[in-house]
Amino acid sequence: MVALFSLFSAPRSNAAGFIGAFEKAASWTSSVNSPWTSCRWTRSRTWSAKCVTPLPRANDTEKRVYEALSNKNWGASSTLLNDIARDTYDFEKYGIVLPLIWTSLQSPSREWRKVFKALCLLEHLIKNGAERVIEDARDNLHRVRMLSDFNYY
């Protein structure tokens, strides 16, 4: 504790020496793992770290749903939709799929493809998914009704 206090109360030259020793001991390229992103941190000139390559971390179910709800010009394949419908029968995966659909229904109007694909996926899940999807769709019917006056110019 005394050494730590002396570090902060030391003159500037001693602190600079400590930073030099820390520089030798530290590895300046490291990976920081968080539940949502993985970043590669690099040393910058002002001793602040910056994120170079953020990558989303997702399991297979999230990847499938993100692919089905992408903002690309083409729709999702029937194989992909059937895989997602099969995932709704699993309790843990069901908790991943439906919240992603409800959040993508609230996307801004410039992402109209994402909203359209979410409605198509919801329709497919109502027809081919677990019965809980129907109950959840009834509970969140207000979100679907909000889209009755949806338009994009």
N, C-alpha and C. Protein backbone atom coordinates (compact mmCIF):
# COMPACT_ATOMS: atom_id res chain seq x y z
N MET A 1 0.82 -1.18 0.00
CA MET A 1 0.00 0.00 0.00
C MET A 1 0.87 1.25 0.00
N VAL A 2 2.00 1.20 0.73
CA VAL A 2 2.90 2.34 0.79
C VAL A 2 3.52 2.58 -0.57
N ALA A 3 3.87 1.50 -1.28
CA ALA A 3 4.47 1.65 -2.60
C ALA A 3 3.48 2.27 -3.57
N LEU A 4 2.23 1.91 -3.45
CA LEU A 4 1.20 2.47 -4.32
C LEU A 4 1.01 3.94 -4.02
N PHE A 5 1.04 4.32 -2.72
CA PHE A 5 0.90 5.72 -2.36
C PHE A 5 2.11 6.51 -2.85
N SER A 6 3.30 5.94 -2.72
CA SER A 6 4.49 6.65 -3.15
C SER A 6 4.52 6.83 -4.66
N LEU A 7 3.87 5.95 -5.40
CA LEU A 7 3.80 6.10 -6.84
C LEU A 7 3.04 7.35 -7.22
N PHE A 8 1.92 7.60 -6.53
CA PHE A 8 1.10 8.75 -6.88
C PHE A 8 1.63 10.04 -6.29
N SER A 9 2.40 9.96 -5.22
CA SER A 9 2.95 11.17 -4.62
C SER A 9 4.37 11.44 -5.11
N ALA A 10 4.90 10.57 -5.93
CA ALA A 10 6.27 10.72 -6.41
C ALA A 10 6.36 11.83 -7.43
N PRO A 11 7.57 12.39 -7.60
CA PRO A 11 7.75 13.38 -8.67
C PRO A 11 7.51 12.76 -10.03
N ARG A 12 7.36 13.60 -11.01
CA ARG A 12 7.00 13.17 -12.36
C ARG A 12 8.01 12.20 -12.95
N SER A 13 9.28 12.37 -12.68
CA SER A 13 10.29 11.49 -13.27
C SER A 13 10.16 10.06 -12.77
N ASN A 14 9.84 9.87 -11.49
CA ASN A 14 9.65 8.53 -10.96
C ASN A 14 8.42 7.87 -11.57
N ALA A 15 7.36 8.64 -11.75
CA ALA A 15 6.15 8.10 -12.38
C ALA A 15 6.45 7.70 -13.81
N ALA A 16 7.24 8.49 -14.51
CA ALA A 16 7.60 8.14 -15.87
C ALA A 16 8.42 6.86 -15.90
N GLY A 17 9.29 6.66 -14.88
CA GLY A 17 10.04 5.42 -14.78
C GLY A 17 9.15 4.23 -14.55
N PHE A 18 8.11 4.43 -13.74
CA PHE A 18 7.16 3.36 -13.50
C PHE A 18 6.42 3.01 -14.80
N ILE A 19 6.05 4.02 -15.57
CA ILE A 19 5.34 3.78 -16.83
C ILE A 19 6.25 3.03 -17.79
N GLY A 20 7.54 3.36 -17.79
CA GLY A 20 8.48 2.64 -18.65
C GLY A 20 8.60 1.18 -18.24
N ALA A 21 8.62 0.91 -16.93
CA ALA A 21 8.69 -0.48 -16.46
C ALA A 21 7.39 -1.21 -16.79
N PHE A 22 6.29 -0.51 -16.64
CA PHE A 22 5.00 -1.10 -16.99
C PHE A 22 4.92 -1.41 -18.48
N GLU A 23 5.50 -0.52 -19.27
CA GLU A 23 5.51 -0.71 -20.72
C GLU A 23 6.27 -1.97 -21.11
N LYS A 24 7.36 -2.27 -20.41
CA LYS A 24 8.13 -3.46 -20.71
C LYS A 24 7.37 -4.72 -20.31
N ALA A 25 6.62 -4.63 -19.20
CA ALA A 25 5.95 -5.81 -18.68
C ALA A 25 4.64 -6.11 -19.40
N ALA A 26 4.02 -5.08 -19.94
CA ALA A 26 2.67 -5.27 -20.51
C ALA A 26 2.74 -5.73 -21.95
N SER A 27 1.76 -6.44 -22.33
CA SER A 27 1.60 -6.83 -23.73
C SER A 27 0.61 -5.85 -24.35
N TRP A 28 1.01 -5.16 -25.39
CA TRP A 28 0.18 -4.08 -25.92
C TRP A 28 -0.85 -4.53 -26.92
N THR A 29 -0.78 -5.74 -27.35
CA THR A 29 -1.83 -6.24 -28.23
C THR A 29 -2.50 -7.38 -27.50
N SER A 30 -3.73 -7.16 -27.09
CA SER A 30 -4.45 -8.17 -26.34
C SER A 30 -5.89 -8.20 -26.79
N SER A 31 -6.58 -9.25 -26.48
CA SER A 31 -7.98 -9.36 -26.81
C SER A 31 -8.80 -9.13 -25.56
N VAL A 32 -9.83 -8.33 -25.70
CA VAL A 32 -10.75 -8.07 -24.60
C VAL A 32 -12.03 -8.79 -24.92
N ASN A 33 -12.47 -9.68 -24.04
CA ASN A 33 -13.66 -10.47 -24.29
C ASN A 33 -14.81 -9.93 -23.46
N SER A 34 -15.86 -9.56 -24.11
CA SER A 34 -17.09 -9.17 -23.45
C SER A 34 -18.20 -10.01 -24.05
N PRO A 35 -19.37 -10.05 -23.42
CA PRO A 35 -20.42 -10.91 -23.96
C PRO A 35 -20.90 -10.50 -25.34
N TRP A 36 -20.77 -9.23 -25.72
CA TRP A 36 -21.35 -8.77 -26.98
C TRP A 36 -20.32 -8.53 -28.06
N THR A 37 -19.15 -8.06 -27.72
CA THR A 37 -18.16 -7.78 -28.76
C THR A 37 -16.81 -8.29 -28.33
N SER A 38 -15.97 -8.46 -29.29
CA SER A 38 -14.59 -8.79 -29.02
C SER A 38 -13.76 -7.77 -29.76
N CYS A 39 -12.89 -7.10 -29.07
CA CYS A 39 -12.10 -6.03 -29.68
C CYS A 39 -10.63 -6.37 -29.59
N ARG A 40 -9.89 -5.90 -30.54
CA ARG A 40 -8.44 -6.00 -30.50
C ARG A 40 -7.94 -4.61 -30.15
N TRP A 41 -7.29 -4.49 -29.01
CA TRP A 41 -6.87 -3.19 -28.52
C TRP A 41 -5.42 -2.95 -28.89
N THR A 42 -5.12 -1.74 -29.30
CA THR A 42 -3.75 -1.40 -29.65
C THR A 42 -3.32 -0.16 -28.88
N ARG A 43 -2.03 -0.01 -28.73
CA ARG A 43 -1.47 1.13 -28.02
C ARG A 43 -1.52 2.35 -28.93
N SER A 44 -1.97 3.46 -28.38
CA SER A 44 -1.94 4.70 -29.13
C SER A 44 -0.95 5.66 -28.48
N ARG A 45 -0.70 6.75 -29.10
CA ARG A 45 0.32 7.67 -28.64
C ARG A 45 -0.05 8.34 -27.32
N THR A 46 -1.32 8.50 -27.04
CA THR A 46 -1.75 9.21 -25.83
C THR A 46 -2.13 8.26 -24.71
N TRP A 47 -1.70 7.03 -24.73
CA TRP A 47 -1.95 6.03 -23.70
C TRP A 47 -3.43 5.67 -23.58
N SER A 48 -4.18 5.90 -24.59
CA SER A 48 -5.58 5.46 -24.56
C SER A 48 -5.74 4.32 -25.55
N ALA A 49 -6.61 3.41 -25.22
CA ALA A 49 -6.82 2.25 -26.08
C ALA A 49 -7.98 2.53 -27.03
N LYS A 50 -7.87 1.99 -28.23
CA LYS A 50 -8.96 2.16 -29.18
C LYS A 50 -9.31 0.80 -29.75
N CYS A 51 -10.55 0.64 -30.08
CA CYS A 51 -11.03 -0.63 -30.60
C CYS A 51 -10.77 -0.67 -32.10
N VAL A 52 -10.10 -1.70 -32.56
CA VAL A 52 -9.73 -1.79 -33.96
C VAL A 52 -10.74 -2.63 -34.74
N THR A 53 -11.07 -3.82 -34.26
CA THR A 53 -11.96 -4.71 -35.00
C THR A 53 -13.04 -5.27 -34.08
N PRO A 54 -14.18 -4.61 -33.97
CA PRO A 54 -15.24 -5.19 -33.14
C PRO A 54 -15.94 -6.32 -33.89
N LEU A 55 -16.14 -7.43 -33.23
CA LEU A 55 -16.82 -8.57 -33.83
C LEU A 55 -17.97 -9.00 -32.93
N PRO A 56 -19.17 -9.17 -33.49
CA PRO A 56 -20.27 -9.62 -32.64
C PRO A 56 -20.09 -11.08 -32.25
N ARG A 57 -20.37 -11.37 -31.00
CA ARG A 57 -20.32 -12.74 -30.52
C ARG A 57 -21.74 -13.24 -30.44
N ALA A 58 -22.03 -14.29 -31.14
CA ALA A 58 -23.38 -14.83 -31.13
C ALA A 58 -23.30 -16.35 -31.27
N ASN A 59 -24.29 -17.01 -30.71
CA ASN A 59 -24.35 -18.45 -30.88
C ASN A 59 -25.04 -18.77 -32.20
N ASP A 60 -25.22 -20.05 -32.50
CA ASP A 60 -25.77 -20.45 -33.80
C ASP A 60 -27.19 -19.95 -34.00
N THR A 61 -27.99 -19.97 -32.95
CA THR A 61 -29.37 -19.51 -33.07
C THR A 61 -29.42 -18.03 -33.40
N GLU A 62 -28.63 -17.22 -32.71
CA GLU A 62 -28.60 -15.78 -33.00
C GLU A 62 -28.11 -15.52 -34.41
N LYS A 63 -27.11 -16.27 -34.85
CA LYS A 63 -26.60 -16.08 -36.21
C LYS A 63 -27.67 -16.37 -37.24
N ARG A 64 -28.45 -17.43 -37.02
CA ARG A 64 -29.53 -17.76 -37.97
C ARG A 64 -30.59 -16.67 -38.00
N VAL A 65 -30.97 -16.18 -36.83
CA VAL A 65 -32.00 -15.14 -36.78
C VAL A 65 -31.49 -13.84 -37.40
N TYR A 66 -30.24 -13.48 -37.11
CA TYR A 66 -29.67 -12.28 -37.72
C TYR A 66 -29.59 -12.42 -39.24
N GLU A 67 -29.29 -13.60 -39.72
CA GLU A 67 -29.24 -13.82 -41.16
C GLU A 67 -30.63 -13.71 -41.77
N ALA A 68 -31.64 -14.23 -41.08
CA ALA A 68 -33.00 -14.16 -41.59
C ALA A 68 -33.54 -12.74 -41.55
N LEU A 69 -33.07 -11.93 -40.61
CA LEU A 69 -33.57 -10.56 -40.46
C LEU A 69 -32.62 -9.52 -41.03
N SER A 70 -31.72 -9.92 -41.89
CA SER A 70 -30.75 -8.98 -42.44
C SER A 70 -31.44 -7.97 -43.34
N ASN A 71 -30.75 -6.90 -43.61
CA ASN A 71 -31.30 -5.83 -44.44
C ASN A 71 -30.88 -5.99 -45.90
N LYS A 72 -30.63 -7.22 -46.31
CA LYS A 72 -30.20 -7.49 -47.68
C LYS A 72 -31.40 -7.59 -48.61
N ASN A 73 -31.14 -7.58 -49.90
CA ASN A 73 -32.20 -7.52 -50.90
C ASN A 73 -33.01 -8.79 -51.03
N TRP A 74 -32.51 -9.91 -50.61
CA TRP A 74 -33.22 -11.17 -50.80
C TRP A 74 -33.76 -11.68 -49.48
N GLY A 75 -34.76 -12.52 -49.58
CA GLY A 75 -35.39 -13.08 -48.39
C GLY A 75 -34.61 -14.26 -47.83
N ALA A 76 -35.07 -14.74 -46.70
CA ALA A 76 -34.42 -15.88 -46.06
C ALA A 76 -34.87 -17.17 -46.74
N SER A 77 -34.00 -18.15 -46.76
CA SER A 77 -34.34 -19.42 -47.38
C SER A 77 -35.31 -20.20 -46.49
N SER A 78 -36.03 -21.10 -47.11
CA SER A 78 -36.99 -21.90 -46.34
C SER A 78 -36.27 -22.83 -45.37
N THR A 79 -35.09 -23.28 -45.71
CA THR A 79 -34.31 -24.11 -44.81
C THR A 79 -33.96 -23.33 -43.54
N LEU A 80 -33.55 -22.09 -43.72
CA LEU A 80 -33.21 -21.25 -42.59
C LEU A 80 -34.44 -20.98 -41.72
N LEU A 81 -35.56 -20.70 -42.36
CA LEU A 81 -36.79 -20.45 -41.61
C LEU A 81 -37.24 -21.69 -40.84
N ASN A 82 -37.08 -22.86 -41.46
CA ASN A 82 -37.44 -24.10 -40.77
C ASN A 82 -36.51 -24.40 -39.60
N ASP A 83 -35.23 -24.07 -39.74
CA ASP A 83 -34.29 -24.25 -38.63
C ASP A 83 -34.67 -23.36 -37.45
N ILE A 84 -35.06 -22.13 -37.75
CA ILE A 84 -35.47 -21.21 -36.69
C ILE A 84 -36.77 -21.70 -36.05
N ALA A 85 -37.69 -22.22 -36.87
CA ALA A 85 -38.94 -22.76 -36.33
C ALA A 85 -38.66 -23.96 -35.43
N ARG A 86 -37.69 -24.77 -35.78
CA ARG A 86 -37.31 -25.91 -34.95
C ARG A 86 -36.69 -25.43 -33.64
N ASP A 87 -35.98 -24.31 -33.68
CA ASP A 87 -35.37 -23.77 -32.47
C ASP A 87 -36.39 -23.26 -31.46
N THR A 88 -37.58 -22.92 -31.90
CA THR A 88 -38.59 -22.41 -30.96
C THR A 88 -39.11 -23.49 -30.04
N TYR A 89 -38.90 -24.75 -30.37
CA TYR A 89 -39.33 -25.83 -29.50
C TYR A 89 -38.40 -26.01 -28.29
N ASP A 90 -37.19 -25.49 -28.38
CA ASP A 90 -36.24 -25.54 -27.27
C ASP A 90 -36.46 -24.31 -26.39
N PHE A 91 -36.54 -24.52 -25.08
CA PHE A 91 -36.89 -23.44 -24.15
C PHE A 91 -35.85 -22.32 -24.17
N GLU A 92 -34.57 -22.65 -24.16
CA GLU A 92 -33.52 -21.64 -24.13
C GLU A 92 -33.42 -20.87 -25.45
N LYS A 93 -33.55 -21.58 -26.55
CA LYS A 93 -33.45 -20.92 -27.85
C LYS A 93 -34.67 -20.06 -28.15
N TYR A 94 -35.81 -20.44 -27.59
CA TYR A 94 -37.02 -19.65 -27.77
C TYR A 94 -36.83 -18.24 -27.17
N GLY A 95 -36.15 -18.18 -26.05
CA GLY A 95 -35.88 -16.90 -25.41
C GLY A 95 -34.91 -16.03 -26.19
N ILE A 96 -34.26 -16.57 -27.17
CA ILE A 96 -33.36 -15.81 -28.03
C ILE A 96 -34.08 -15.33 -29.28
N VAL A 97 -34.90 -16.20 -29.87
CA VAL A 97 -35.50 -15.92 -31.17
C VAL A 97 -36.54 -14.82 -31.09
N LEU A 98 -37.52 -14.96 -30.22
CA LEU A 98 -38.64 -14.02 -30.21
C LEU A 98 -38.26 -12.60 -29.80
N PRO A 99 -37.41 -12.39 -28.80
CA PRO A 99 -37.01 -11.00 -28.53
C PRO A 99 -36.29 -10.32 -29.70
N LEU A 100 -35.53 -11.08 -30.47
CA LEU A 100 -34.88 -10.49 -31.64
C LEU A 100 -35.91 -10.07 -32.69
N ILE A 101 -36.98 -10.85 -32.82
CA ILE A 101 -38.03 -10.49 -33.77
C ILE A 101 -38.74 -9.22 -33.31
N TRP A 102 -39.06 -9.14 -32.00
CA TRP A 102 -39.79 -7.96 -31.50
C TRP A 102 -38.94 -6.71 -31.59
N THR A 103 -37.64 -6.82 -31.38
CA THR A 103 -36.80 -5.63 -31.51
C THR A 103 -36.63 -5.22 -32.97
N SER A 104 -36.60 -6.17 -33.88
CA SER A 104 -36.45 -5.79 -35.29
C SER A 104 -37.75 -5.23 -35.86
N LEU A 105 -38.88 -5.55 -35.24
CA LEU A 105 -40.14 -4.91 -35.67
C LEU A 105 -40.16 -3.43 -35.31
N GLN A 106 -39.36 -3.03 -34.36
CA GLN A 106 -39.29 -1.64 -33.96
C GLN A 106 -38.13 -0.90 -34.61
N SER A 107 -37.59 -1.45 -35.67
CA SER A 107 -36.48 -0.82 -36.39
C SER A 107 -36.97 0.46 -37.06
N PRO A 108 -36.07 1.38 -37.35
CA PRO A 108 -36.48 2.60 -38.05
C PRO A 108 -36.98 2.31 -39.46
N SER A 109 -37.72 3.23 -40.00
CA SER A 109 -38.37 2.98 -41.29
C SER A 109 -37.38 2.83 -42.44
N ARG A 110 -36.18 3.36 -42.32
CA ARG A 110 -35.20 3.20 -43.39
C ARG A 110 -34.74 1.75 -43.51
N GLU A 111 -34.97 0.94 -42.48
CA GLU A 111 -34.66 -0.49 -42.52
C GLU A 111 -35.95 -1.29 -42.73
N TRP A 112 -36.70 -0.90 -43.75
CA TRP A 112 -38.01 -1.51 -44.00
C TRP A 112 -37.89 -2.98 -44.35
N ARG A 113 -36.78 -3.38 -44.97
CA ARG A 113 -36.61 -4.80 -45.31
C ARG A 113 -36.53 -5.65 -44.04
N LYS A 114 -35.87 -5.12 -43.04
CA LYS A 114 -35.74 -5.85 -41.78
C LYS A 114 -37.11 -6.03 -41.12
N VAL A 115 -37.95 -4.99 -41.17
CA VAL A 115 -39.30 -5.07 -40.61
C VAL A 115 -40.13 -6.08 -41.40
N PHE A 116 -40.02 -6.04 -42.72
CA PHE A 116 -40.76 -6.97 -43.56
C PHE A 116 -40.33 -8.40 -43.31
N LYS A 117 -39.02 -8.62 -43.19
CA LYS A 117 -38.52 -9.97 -42.94
C LYS A 117 -38.92 -10.46 -41.55
N ALA A 118 -39.00 -9.55 -40.59
CA ALA A 118 -39.44 -9.94 -39.25
C ALA A 118 -40.90 -10.39 -39.28
N LEU A 119 -41.71 -9.69 -40.05
CA LEU A 119 -43.12 -10.10 -40.18
C LEU A 119 -43.23 -11.44 -40.90
N CYS A 120 -42.43 -11.64 -41.93
CA CYS A 120 -42.45 -12.93 -42.64
C CYS A 120 -41.98 -14.06 -41.74
N LEU A 121 -40.94 -13.81 -40.96
CA LEU A 121 -40.45 -14.82 -40.03
C LEU A 121 -41.48 -15.11 -38.95
N LEU A 122 -42.15 -14.09 -38.45
CA LEU A 122 -43.18 -14.29 -37.44
C LEU A 122 -44.34 -15.11 -38.01
N GLU A 123 -44.71 -14.83 -39.25
CA GLU A 123 -45.77 -15.61 -39.89
C GLU A 123 -45.36 -17.08 -40.03
N HIS A 124 -44.12 -17.31 -40.44
CA HIS A 124 -43.63 -18.69 -40.59
C HIS A 124 -43.60 -19.41 -39.24
N LEU A 125 -43.19 -18.67 -38.19
CA LEU A 125 -43.13 -19.29 -36.86
C LEU A 125 -44.52 -19.58 -36.31
N ILE A 126 -45.49 -18.73 -36.63
CA ILE A 126 -46.86 -19.00 -36.19
C ILE A 126 -47.39 -20.27 -36.86
N LYS A 127 -47.04 -20.45 -38.13
CA LYS A 127 -47.52 -21.63 -38.86
C LYS A 127 -46.75 -22.90 -38.51
N ASN A 128 -45.43 -22.79 -38.32
CA ASN A 128 -44.59 -23.98 -38.19
C ASN A 128 -43.85 -24.11 -36.87
N GLY A 129 -43.91 -23.11 -36.01
CA GLY A 129 -43.15 -23.13 -34.77
C GLY A 129 -43.95 -23.70 -33.60
N ALA A 130 -43.42 -23.51 -32.43
CA ALA A 130 -44.06 -23.99 -31.21
C ALA A 130 -45.33 -23.19 -30.93
N GLU A 131 -46.21 -23.77 -30.11
CA GLU A 131 -47.47 -23.09 -29.80
C GLU A 131 -47.25 -21.85 -28.95
N ARG A 132 -46.14 -21.80 -28.26
CA ARG A 132 -45.83 -20.61 -27.47
C ARG A 132 -45.66 -19.38 -28.35
N VAL A 133 -45.28 -19.57 -29.61
CA VAL A 133 -45.13 -18.44 -30.53
C VAL A 133 -46.48 -17.76 -30.73
N ILE A 134 -47.54 -18.55 -30.84
CA ILE A 134 -48.88 -17.98 -31.03
C ILE A 134 -49.28 -17.17 -29.81
N GLU A 135 -49.01 -17.70 -28.63
CA GLU A 135 -49.34 -16.98 -27.40
C GLU A 135 -48.53 -15.70 -27.28
N ASP A 136 -47.26 -15.77 -27.63
CA ASP A 136 -46.41 -14.58 -27.57
C ASP A 136 -46.84 -13.55 -28.61
N ALA A 137 -47.27 -14.01 -29.78
CA ALA A 137 -47.74 -13.09 -30.81
C ALA A 137 -49.03 -12.40 -30.36
N ARG A 138 -49.91 -13.12 -29.68
CA ARG A 138 -51.12 -12.51 -29.14
C ARG A 138 -50.80 -11.48 -28.07
N ASP A 139 -49.81 -11.80 -27.24
CA ASP A 139 -49.42 -10.87 -26.18
C ASP A 139 -48.79 -9.60 -26.75
N ASN A 140 -48.11 -9.70 -27.86
CA ASN A 140 -47.42 -8.56 -28.47
C ASN A 140 -48.13 -8.07 -29.74
N LEU A 141 -49.42 -8.29 -29.82
CA LEU A 141 -50.17 -7.87 -30.99
C LEU A 141 -50.14 -6.36 -31.19
N HIS A 142 -49.98 -5.62 -30.11
CA HIS A 142 -49.92 -4.16 -30.22
C HIS A 142 -48.71 -3.72 -31.06
N ARG A 143 -47.63 -4.47 -31.01
CA ARG A 143 -46.45 -4.13 -31.82
C ARG A 143 -46.70 -4.35 -33.30
N VAL A 144 -47.48 -5.36 -33.61
CA VAL A 144 -47.81 -5.63 -35.01
C VAL A 144 -48.82 -4.60 -35.51
N ARG A 145 -49.77 -4.24 -34.66
CA ARG A 145 -50.78 -3.25 -35.06
C ARG A 145 -50.17 -1.87 -35.28
N MET A 146 -49.09 -1.57 -34.58
CA MET A 146 -48.41 -0.29 -34.81
C MET A 146 -47.92 -0.16 -36.24
N LEU A 147 -47.68 -1.29 -36.88
CA LEU A 147 -47.15 -1.27 -38.25
C LEU A 147 -48.23 -1.10 -39.31
N SER A 148 -49.50 -0.98 -38.91
CA SER A 148 -50.57 -0.84 -39.90
C SER A 148 -50.44 0.47 -40.67
N ASP A 149 -49.87 1.50 -40.07
CA ASP A 149 -49.66 2.77 -40.79
C ASP A 149 -48.18 2.98 -41.12
N PHE A 150 -47.42 1.91 -41.23
CA PHE A 150 -46.00 1.99 -41.56
C PHE A 150 -45.84 2.37 -43.02
N ASN A 151 -45.00 3.33 -43.29
CA ASN A 151 -44.67 3.67 -44.68
C ASN A 151 -43.24 4.19 -44.76
N TYR A 152 -42.68 4.08 -45.93
CA TYR A 152 -41.32 4.54 -46.18
C TYR A 152 -41.30 5.22 -47.53
N TYR A 153 -40.85 6.45 -47.56
CA TYR A 153 -40.81 7.20 -48.81
C TYR A 153 -39.46 7.16 -49.43
